[in-house]
Structures are given as structure tokens and as C-alpha cells.
Amino acid sequence: MKFAFLIGVLAVAAVAALVFRAYLMGRFDRSYQHLQRLHDMDDNVGVLEMGWPPADLDIHKRRYYARAHLLVGNSALTVGAYKRALTHVLVARKGVSEGTLQVSFPGGLDSSIAHALIGLGRYQESLELIGERAEEPDDSIMRHHAVQAAIETGDDDRARYLLGLSTLNSDPLLEAGKLRMEGDFLIKLGDYPTGVKLVKRAGLAYQNLGTSWGDLDIGYCVGHLGHAALAQDDPARAVKLLSTAETLIVRIASDDRAGLSEVGAWHARALAKTGDYEQSARVAAKCMEDAVWTDSPRLIAGAHVALAEVARSTNEPEEARQHLEKAASFYQQIGAQRDLAETQSHIRRLQTPGHFE
């Protein structure tokens, strides 16, 4: 009798466990489906605000468990939430190794990981991950990341070499991106005529492609042109270009806080040089807010440089110096040699007439 009772208890417990498991699975399914809908609608903020799945979620090994993390990682990369993106994409990569996730897009998950590492200023780690794939003719995305890391660390010879390599069956969108990157690189080196020409070609290529995201890429191009105008001491033209760039970016991707922070830094500096101090202060403050949200040391440093320009323009040299020293610290931390040298030059010239270039 007791044995029969025990069997009955165990059976009830087993059924209860199955019911509870089914409940968890159903809740998991519904959460995943909602996440997928948000991702498909490009509601990246909605994806991140779901707070699901948590990075340590490891229940049932459903085939789309790893894909859920990939969706969150993709959305995080799109808006520039680099630290969060890296966390989720690394979990997704674990799914690939366990056979619960398959990816077929160029570069695979390593491309997304490299992207996040570069956003976080971890350039050497990204280059180690990319390795020899930077020179493979059929891996334009990895080469793109390698060029960006080389540019940011001041390895100009490496950047030139990689930009000069040919590719096989290159995507027109990637070719336009290569033109834009090379043009921006030359602008940073001070070759404004050639850099501007390449950026304009990139903008025209994006326009001709007619993609739904075209205005975003064109916005980045216009931002580079604004940077060139500012560097050539034409702040009024720079303000017009950078304002247009922000409008184009917001029109397509108002949640692109990384892109808006980068363009905002140049915009704030240009506004300060035209004497529009109140607007420059507002733009610089928003630029810093976005930069901090992204966890990007490079963007935070750029925001400090913008705030320094605002402070210098309003005759607050000590505040300007403090911002520049913070920017220099960030640049040194990530090995951004060109930006570090420029910032140190600004610090030395702070007490002399003129302005940051």
C-alpha cells in the first residue's frame, strides 16, 4: 500500500514537472517570438529594453536560444551599445560551437565580435581575432574592421596596404563603404581634396544603390565632409553640413547613438567656432550623454574634446584643459596615437590665440 502511494506521489511529481517545464517553454517561446518581431521591425531600442534573454540564460538549449542572443547582439551593435553587444554575441557564438545556431552571413559571428571590440577601443584584440582574414580576397567585412583598427591606432601604412587590396565578388554596398572609409582616412591625414572627392563618390554610390538605409550612410558621408570643412577653418560650412548629417541619421536611425555622438562632437566644435555658444553647449552635452551610453572610450574622448572647445570659446581655459586631459587619458588607454597626439597639441596651444583644428 505504501509502495503504491509512493508511486502515485512520484507520478504526480513527474506530471507537475512536465507541466512546469511546458509552462517555461511556452513562456520562452512567447518571449522569443516577441523579440523576433521587435528585431524585424528594426525596433532596436525595444529589443534592448526587453532585457531578455539574460546573458546567463541557459535553459533547455532550445535551437533558437543562441539566436535570441544574436538578435539582441545585432540590435546592440546597431545602436552602439558595444559592451552589451559583445556579451550577447559571445553567448551566441557558444551556440554555434554547440550546434544550436548556424550563421551564413559574411564574417560570421567573429565579424560582430570584432565590430564590438573596435567600438570598445580594444583594437589589438580585434586584430588578433581577425588575423589573416584581413588579407583574404573574399572577406571584405573582416578587412573593413582591420582597416578601421589600423586607422584608429595610427598604423597608416597598414591601413593603406589593406585599402589597396582587391576583393572577389565585392558587394556594391561594401565597395561604397570602402570609399567612405578611405576618404575619411585621407581627411584625417590632411589630404582634404582627395578625401573629400572619395567621400562624395561614396555618397553618390549609396544614393544610386537606393537601399532603405541609404540616408544613414549618406549622413555619415556628409558628416565626413563637415569634418573636412571644420579642419579647413570653414566652421560656417561645417555647421551646415554637420546639421544635415544629423538630420539624415536621425531620419533613418534615431537610435544610432554612436553615430550621433561622433557627428555631434564635430558639430559642437563647429558651432562654438561660429560663436553659437549656447547651441554648441547643448550639442556637446548630448554628444557626451550618447558617448557614455555606448561605453566607447573613443567617443567619450571625442565628447571631451568638444566640451573643451565650448569651454575655450567661452573663455574657460581651465575647464577646457581638464576636458582635454581626460580626452588624452582615454586616447592613451586605447592606443589611439593620432588622436592622442592631436589632443596633446591642443593642450600645449591652449593658452595661445586660435582654436582647435
Protein backbone atom coordinates (compact mmCIF):
# COMPACT_ATOMS: atom_id res chain seq x y z
CA MET A 1 0.00 0.00 0.00
CA LYS A 2 2.77 2.35 0.96
CA PHE A 3 4.66 1.39 -2.20
CA ALA A 4 1.63 2.19 -4.36
CA PHE A 5 1.23 5.52 -2.57
CA LEU A 6 4.87 6.36 -3.21
CA ILE A 7 4.50 5.50 -6.89
CA GLY A 8 1.47 7.77 -7.04
CA VAL A 9 3.37 10.64 -5.42
CA LEU A 10 6.26 10.22 -7.84
CA ALA A 11 3.87 10.15 -10.79
CA VAL A 12 2.16 13.36 -9.64
CA ALA A 13 5.57 14.98 -9.17
CA ALA A 14 6.64 13.92 -12.65
CA VAL A 15 3.47 15.31 -14.21
CA ALA A 16 3.91 18.55 -12.26
CA ALA A 17 7.49 18.80 -13.50
CA LEU A 18 6.34 18.27 -17.07
CA VAL A 19 3.62 20.90 -16.68
CA PHE A 20 6.11 23.37 -15.20
CA ARG A 21 8.59 22.64 -17.98
CA ALA A 22 5.86 23.17 -20.58
CA TYR A 23 4.99 26.46 -18.89
CA LEU A 24 8.61 27.60 -19.01
CA MET A 25 8.96 26.51 -22.62
CA GLY A 26 5.78 28.33 -23.59
CA ARG A 27 6.91 31.49 -21.86
CA PHE A 28 10.31 31.16 -23.55
CA ASP A 29 8.62 30.71 -26.93
CA ARG A 30 6.43 33.77 -26.46
CA SER A 31 9.36 35.89 -25.34
CA TYR A 32 11.43 34.78 -28.30
CA GLN A 33 8.62 35.49 -30.77
CA HIS A 34 8.15 39.00 -29.33
CA LEU A 35 11.90 39.60 -29.53
CA GLN A 36 11.95 38.45 -33.15
CA ARG A 37 9.06 40.79 -34.05
CA LEU A 38 10.82 43.78 -32.49
CA HIS A 39 14.06 42.92 -34.28
CA ASP A 40 12.29 42.50 -37.64
CA MET A 41 10.71 45.95 -37.20
CA ASP A 42 14.19 47.45 -36.54
CA ASP A 43 12.98 48.44 -33.09
CA ASN A 44 16.44 48.12 -31.61
CA VAL A 45 15.57 50.11 -28.51
CA GLY A 46 12.58 47.84 -27.92
CA VAL A 47 14.81 44.78 -28.24
CA LEU A 48 17.23 46.12 -25.66
CA GLU A 49 14.51 47.32 -23.31
CA MET A 50 13.05 43.80 -23.18
CA GLY A 51 16.04 42.81 -21.09
CA TRP A 52 15.68 39.30 -22.49
CA PRO A 53 17.32 36.89 -22.67
CA PRO A 54 19.65 37.50 -19.73
CA ALA A 55 23.26 36.74 -20.59
CA ASP A 56 23.32 33.71 -18.26
CA LEU A 57 20.11 32.14 -19.57
CA ASP A 58 20.96 28.51 -20.21
CA ILE A 59 17.70 26.57 -20.00
CA HIS A 60 16.58 23.76 -22.27
CA LYS A 61 19.12 24.50 -25.01
CA ARG A 62 16.36 25.39 -27.45
CA ARG A 63 17.54 25.69 -31.02
CA TYR A 64 16.79 29.38 -31.00
CA TYR A 65 18.24 30.14 -27.58
CA ALA A 66 21.53 31.20 -29.15
CA ARG A 67 19.68 33.05 -31.91
CA ALA A 68 17.86 35.14 -29.32
CA HIS A 69 21.22 36.33 -28.03
CA LEU A 70 22.33 37.01 -31.60
CA LEU A 71 19.27 39.20 -32.22
CA VAL A 72 19.99 41.23 -29.10
CA GLY A 73 23.65 41.48 -30.06
CA ASN A 74 22.76 42.73 -33.54
CA SER A 75 20.42 45.39 -32.16
CA ALA A 76 23.02 46.45 -29.61
CA LEU A 77 25.66 46.85 -32.33
CA THR A 78 23.27 48.88 -34.49
CA VAL A 79 22.73 51.48 -31.78
CA GLY A 80 26.31 51.39 -30.48
CA ALA A 81 25.75 49.56 -27.18
CA TYR A 82 29.09 47.86 -27.65
CA LYS A 83 29.61 46.24 -24.26
CA ARG A 84 26.16 44.69 -24.28
CA ALA A 85 26.59 43.62 -27.89
CA LEU A 86 29.82 41.82 -27.10
CA THR A 87 28.25 39.97 -24.16
CA HIS A 88 25.34 38.61 -26.20
CA VAL A 89 27.28 37.79 -29.36
CA LEU A 90 29.81 35.79 -27.33
CA VAL A 91 26.91 33.76 -25.90
CA ALA A 92 25.57 33.27 -29.43
CA ARG A 93 28.97 32.04 -30.57
CA LYS A 94 28.79 29.41 -27.87
CA GLY A 95 25.59 28.24 -29.57
CA VAL A 96 27.47 27.88 -32.86
CA SER A 97 30.10 25.70 -31.21
CA GLU A 98 27.34 23.58 -29.60
CA GLY A 99 25.48 23.20 -32.88
CA THR A 100 22.36 25.08 -31.76
CA LEU A 101 22.97 28.04 -34.10
CA GLN A 102 24.08 28.30 -37.70
CA VAL A 103 25.12 31.53 -39.38
CA SER A 104 25.85 32.00 -43.06
CA PHE A 105 26.49 35.72 -43.38
CA PRO A 106 29.99 37.00 -44.33
CA GLY A 107 32.43 37.09 -41.46
CA GLY A 108 30.14 35.06 -39.24
CA LEU A 109 29.94 35.96 -35.57
CA ASP A 110 33.62 36.88 -35.49
CA SER A 111 32.74 39.91 -37.60
CA SER A 112 30.22 41.10 -34.99
CA ILE A 113 32.69 40.42 -32.18
CA ALA A 114 35.41 42.40 -33.99
CA HIS A 115 32.94 45.25 -34.51
CA ALA A 116 32.10 45.37 -30.80
CA LEU A 117 35.76 45.17 -29.76
CA ILE A 118 36.64 48.10 -32.01
CA GLY A 119 33.74 50.10 -30.59
CA LEU A 120 35.14 49.47 -27.11
CA GLY A 121 38.61 50.57 -28.18
CA ARG A 122 40.02 47.04 -27.84
CA TYR A 123 41.83 47.27 -31.15
CA GLN A 124 44.57 44.74 -30.54
CA GLU A 125 42.05 42.08 -29.52
CA SER A 126 40.04 42.76 -32.66
CA LEU A 127 43.13 42.44 -34.84
CA GLU A 128 44.10 39.17 -33.18
CA LEU A 129 40.60 37.85 -33.84
CA ILE A 130 40.65 38.97 -37.48
CA GLY A 131 44.14 37.62 -38.11
CA GLU A 132 44.99 36.70 -41.69
CA ARG A 133 41.39 37.08 -42.80
CA ALA A 134 42.10 40.79 -43.25
CA GLU A 135 44.03 39.91 -46.40
CA GLU A 136 41.71 37.27 -47.80
CA PRO A 137 40.10 38.49 -51.07
CA ASP A 138 36.66 37.14 -50.20
CA ASP A 139 36.31 38.60 -46.70
CA SER A 140 35.66 42.30 -47.20
CA ILE A 141 33.90 42.72 -43.87
CA MET A 142 36.84 41.49 -41.81
CA ARG A 143 39.17 43.67 -43.88
CA HIS A 144 36.90 46.63 -43.21
CA HIS A 145 37.26 46.07 -39.46
CA ALA A 146 41.03 45.62 -39.76
CA VAL A 147 41.36 48.90 -41.67
CA GLN A 148 39.33 50.71 -39.04
CA ALA A 149 41.50 49.34 -36.24
CA ALA A 150 44.67 50.31 -38.13
CA ILE A 151 43.39 53.85 -38.70
CA GLU A 152 42.39 54.34 -35.08
CA THR A 153 45.77 53.13 -33.78
CA GLY A 154 47.70 55.28 -36.26
CA ASP A 155 49.09 52.36 -38.28
CA ASP A 156 48.72 54.31 -41.52
CA ASP A 157 50.93 52.04 -43.63
CA ARG A 158 48.85 49.00 -42.71
CA ALA A 159 45.63 50.88 -43.45
CA ARG A 160 46.90 51.94 -46.87
CA TYR A 161 48.02 48.41 -47.67
CA LEU A 162 44.68 46.85 -46.76
CA LEU A 163 42.70 49.52 -48.60
CA GLY A 164 44.74 48.79 -51.71
CA LEU A 165 43.98 45.06 -51.77
CA SER A 166 41.49 43.77 -54.31
CA THR A 167 38.39 41.77 -53.39
CA LEU A 168 36.44 38.98 -55.07
CA ASN A 169 32.76 39.49 -55.88
CA SER A 170 32.59 42.51 -53.63
CA ASP A 171 29.18 43.76 -52.60
CA PRO A 172 28.45 47.28 -54.02
CA LEU A 173 27.47 48.35 -50.51
CA LEU A 174 30.83 47.23 -49.16
CA GLU A 175 32.60 48.99 -52.03
CA ALA A 176 30.82 52.22 -51.13
CA GLY A 177 31.85 51.66 -47.53
CA LYS A 178 35.45 51.22 -48.61
CA LEU A 179 35.34 54.54 -50.50
CA ARG A 180 33.87 56.28 -47.46
CA MET A 181 36.45 54.79 -45.11
CA GLU A 182 39.36 55.69 -47.38
CA GLY A 183 38.04 59.21 -47.83
CA ASP A 184 37.64 59.70 -44.08
CA PHE A 185 41.16 58.31 -43.58
CA LEU A 186 42.65 60.83 -46.02
CA ILE A 187 40.72 63.68 -44.38
CA LYS A 188 42.26 62.68 -41.06
CA LEU A 189 45.68 62.72 -42.71
CA GLY A 190 45.06 66.24 -44.03
CA ASP A 191 44.66 65.32 -47.72
CA TYR A 192 41.38 67.16 -47.95
CA PRO A 193 40.93 67.37 -51.75
CA THR A 194 41.37 63.63 -52.31
CA GLY A 195 39.50 62.65 -49.14
CA VAL A 196 36.52 64.85 -49.96
CA LYS A 197 36.43 63.51 -53.52
CA LEU A 198 36.30 59.91 -52.30
CA VAL A 199 33.63 60.65 -49.70
CA LYS A 200 31.48 62.34 -52.35
CA ARG A 201 31.89 59.28 -54.60
CA ALA A 202 30.80 57.10 -51.71
CA GLY A 203 27.74 59.27 -51.10
CA LEU A 204 26.76 59.04 -54.76
CA ALA A 205 27.23 55.26 -54.67
CA TYR A 206 24.94 54.97 -51.65
CA GLN A 207 22.38 57.16 -53.39
CA ASN A 208 22.48 55.01 -56.53
CA LEU A 209 22.05 51.82 -54.51
CA GLY A 210 18.71 53.12 -53.28
CA THR A 211 18.68 50.99 -50.13
CA SER A 212 16.27 51.68 -47.29
CA TRP A 213 19.27 52.64 -45.15
CA GLY A 214 20.77 54.89 -47.81
CA ASP A 215 20.17 58.16 -45.97
CA LEU A 216 22.04 56.82 -42.95
CA ASP A 217 25.18 56.08 -44.96
CA ILE A 218 24.83 59.35 -46.85
CA GLY A 219 24.53 61.06 -43.47
CA TYR A 220 27.87 59.60 -42.42
CA CYS A 221 29.39 60.87 -45.67
CA VAL A 222 28.06 64.37 -45.09
CA GLY A 223 29.49 64.18 -41.58
CA HIS A 224 32.95 63.48 -43.02
CA LEU A 225 32.56 66.48 -45.32
CA GLY A 226 31.66 68.59 -42.29
CA HIS A 227 34.79 67.38 -40.52
CA ALA A 228 36.86 68.39 -43.57
CA ALA A 229 35.28 71.84 -43.66
CA LEU A 230 35.97 72.34 -39.97
CA ALA A 231 39.59 71.22 -40.35
CA GLN A 232 40.00 73.73 -43.19
CA ASP A 233 38.75 76.56 -40.95
CA ASP A 234 35.32 76.95 -42.51
CA PRO A 235 33.10 76.49 -39.42
CA ALA A 236 30.00 78.06 -41.01
CA ARG A 237 30.03 75.49 -43.81
CA ALA A 238 30.86 72.77 -41.30
CA VAL A 239 27.79 73.65 -39.22
CA LYS A 240 25.51 73.36 -42.26
CA LEU A 241 26.99 70.02 -43.30
CA LEU A 242 27.00 68.52 -39.81
CA SER A 243 23.46 69.67 -39.11
CA THR A 244 22.38 67.98 -42.36
CA ALA A 245 24.28 64.84 -41.37
CA GLU A 246 22.47 64.66 -38.02
CA THR A 247 19.11 65.12 -39.74
CA LEU A 248 19.81 62.28 -42.18
CA ILE A 249 20.99 59.92 -39.44
CA VAL A 250 18.01 60.65 -37.21
CA ARG A 251 15.59 60.18 -40.12
CA ILE A 252 16.67 56.56 -40.57
CA ALA A 253 18.22 55.57 -37.25
CA SER A 254 17.32 57.90 -34.42
CA ASP A 255 18.64 55.23 -32.06
CA ASP A 256 22.16 55.27 -33.59
CA ARG A 257 23.73 56.85 -30.55
CA ALA A 258 27.27 56.02 -31.63
CA GLY A 259 26.88 57.74 -34.99
CA LEU A 260 25.09 60.71 -33.47
CA SER A 261 27.78 61.11 -30.82
CA GLU A 262 30.55 61.14 -33.41
CA VAL A 263 28.83 63.67 -35.66
CA GLY A 264 27.68 65.65 -32.63
CA ALA A 265 31.24 66.14 -31.42
CA TRP A 266 32.26 67.81 -34.67
CA HIS A 267 29.01 69.76 -34.79
CA ALA A 268 29.51 71.17 -31.28
CA ARG A 269 33.05 72.25 -32.13
CA ALA A 270 31.90 73.95 -35.33
CA LEU A 271 29.07 75.76 -33.52
CA ALA A 272 31.48 77.02 -30.88
CA LYS A 273 33.76 78.44 -33.56
CA THR A 274 30.86 80.34 -35.13
CA GLY A 275 30.04 81.92 -31.76
CA ASP A 276 26.82 79.98 -31.13
CA TYR A 277 27.88 79.05 -27.62
CA GLU A 278 24.51 78.03 -26.20
CA GLN A 279 23.73 75.61 -29.02
CA SER A 280 27.26 74.27 -29.01
CA ALA A 281 26.97 73.54 -25.28
CA ARG A 282 23.67 71.71 -25.80
CA VAL A 283 25.02 69.63 -28.68
CA ALA A 284 28.22 68.81 -26.76
CA ALA A 285 26.27 67.73 -23.68
CA LYS A 286 24.06 65.43 -25.77
CA CYS A 287 27.16 64.12 -27.52
CA MET A 288 28.68 63.16 -24.16
CA GLU A 289 25.43 61.56 -23.00
CA ASP A 290 25.34 59.38 -26.11
CA ALA A 291 29.05 58.56 -25.87
CA VAL A 292 28.81 57.41 -22.26
CA TRP A 293 25.81 55.25 -23.16
CA THR A 294 27.86 53.45 -25.82
CA ASP A 295 30.77 52.67 -23.44
CA SER A 296 33.12 53.70 -26.26
CA PRO A 297 36.33 55.30 -24.91
CA ARG A 298 36.99 56.90 -28.31
CA LEU A 299 33.57 58.54 -28.44
CA ILE A 300 33.81 59.68 -24.81
CA ALA A 301 37.20 61.21 -25.59
CA GLY A 302 35.74 62.97 -28.65
CA ALA A 303 32.94 64.39 -26.49
CA HIS A 304 35.52 65.74 -24.04
CA VAL A 305 37.33 67.47 -26.92
CA ALA A 306 34.02 69.03 -27.99
CA LEU A 307 33.31 70.23 -24.44
CA ALA A 308 36.85 71.63 -24.31
CA GLU A 309 36.18 73.67 -27.46
CA VAL A 310 32.99 75.02 -25.91
CA ALA A 311 34.87 75.94 -22.73
CA ARG A 312 37.73 77.55 -24.63
CA SER A 313 35.30 79.58 -26.75
CA THR A 314 33.60 80.93 -23.61
CA ASN A 315 36.93 81.86 -22.04
CA GLU A 316 37.14 78.97 -19.55
CA PRO A 317 40.69 77.75 -20.21
CA GLU A 318 40.99 75.66 -17.04
CA GLU A 319 37.78 73.77 -17.81
CA ALA A 320 38.98 73.29 -21.37
CA ARG A 321 42.28 71.89 -20.12
CA GLN A 322 40.53 69.44 -17.82
CA HIS A 323 38.41 68.11 -20.67
CA LEU A 324 41.44 67.79 -22.93
CA GLU A 325 43.42 65.93 -20.31
CA LYS A 326 40.52 63.49 -19.83
CA ALA A 327 40.34 63.01 -23.60
CA ALA A 328 44.09 62.37 -23.76
CA SER A 329 43.77 59.79 -20.99
CA PHE A 330 41.11 57.88 -22.92
CA TYR A 331 43.08 58.03 -26.16
CA GLN A 332 46.21 56.78 -24.42
CA GLN A 333 44.23 53.97 -22.79
CA ILE A 334 43.08 52.58 -26.16
CA GLY A 335 46.24 53.32 -28.13
CA ALA A 336 44.69 55.92 -30.44
CA GLN A 337 48.03 57.52 -31.25
CA ARG A 338 46.90 60.10 -33.82
CA ASP A 339 44.07 61.43 -31.66
CA LEU A 340 46.36 61.43 -28.61
CA ALA A 341 48.99 63.50 -30.42
CA GLU A 342 46.38 65.99 -31.64
CA THR A 343 44.88 66.35 -28.17
CA GLN A 344 48.28 66.88 -26.57
CA SER A 345 48.92 69.56 -29.19
CA HIS A 346 45.64 71.27 -28.22
CA ILE A 347 46.73 71.26 -24.57
CA ARG A 348 50.05 72.92 -25.43
CA ARG A 349 48.34 75.56 -27.56
CA LEU A 350 45.53 76.24 -25.14
CA GLN A 351 46.98 79.49 -23.85
CA THR A 352 47.78 80.83 -27.33
CA PRO A 353 45.40 82.65 -29.70
CA GLY A 354 43.49 80.48 -32.14
CA HIS A 355 41.31 77.46 -31.87
CA PHE A 356 41.40 73.70 -32.09
CA GLU A 357 41.62 72.40 -35.63
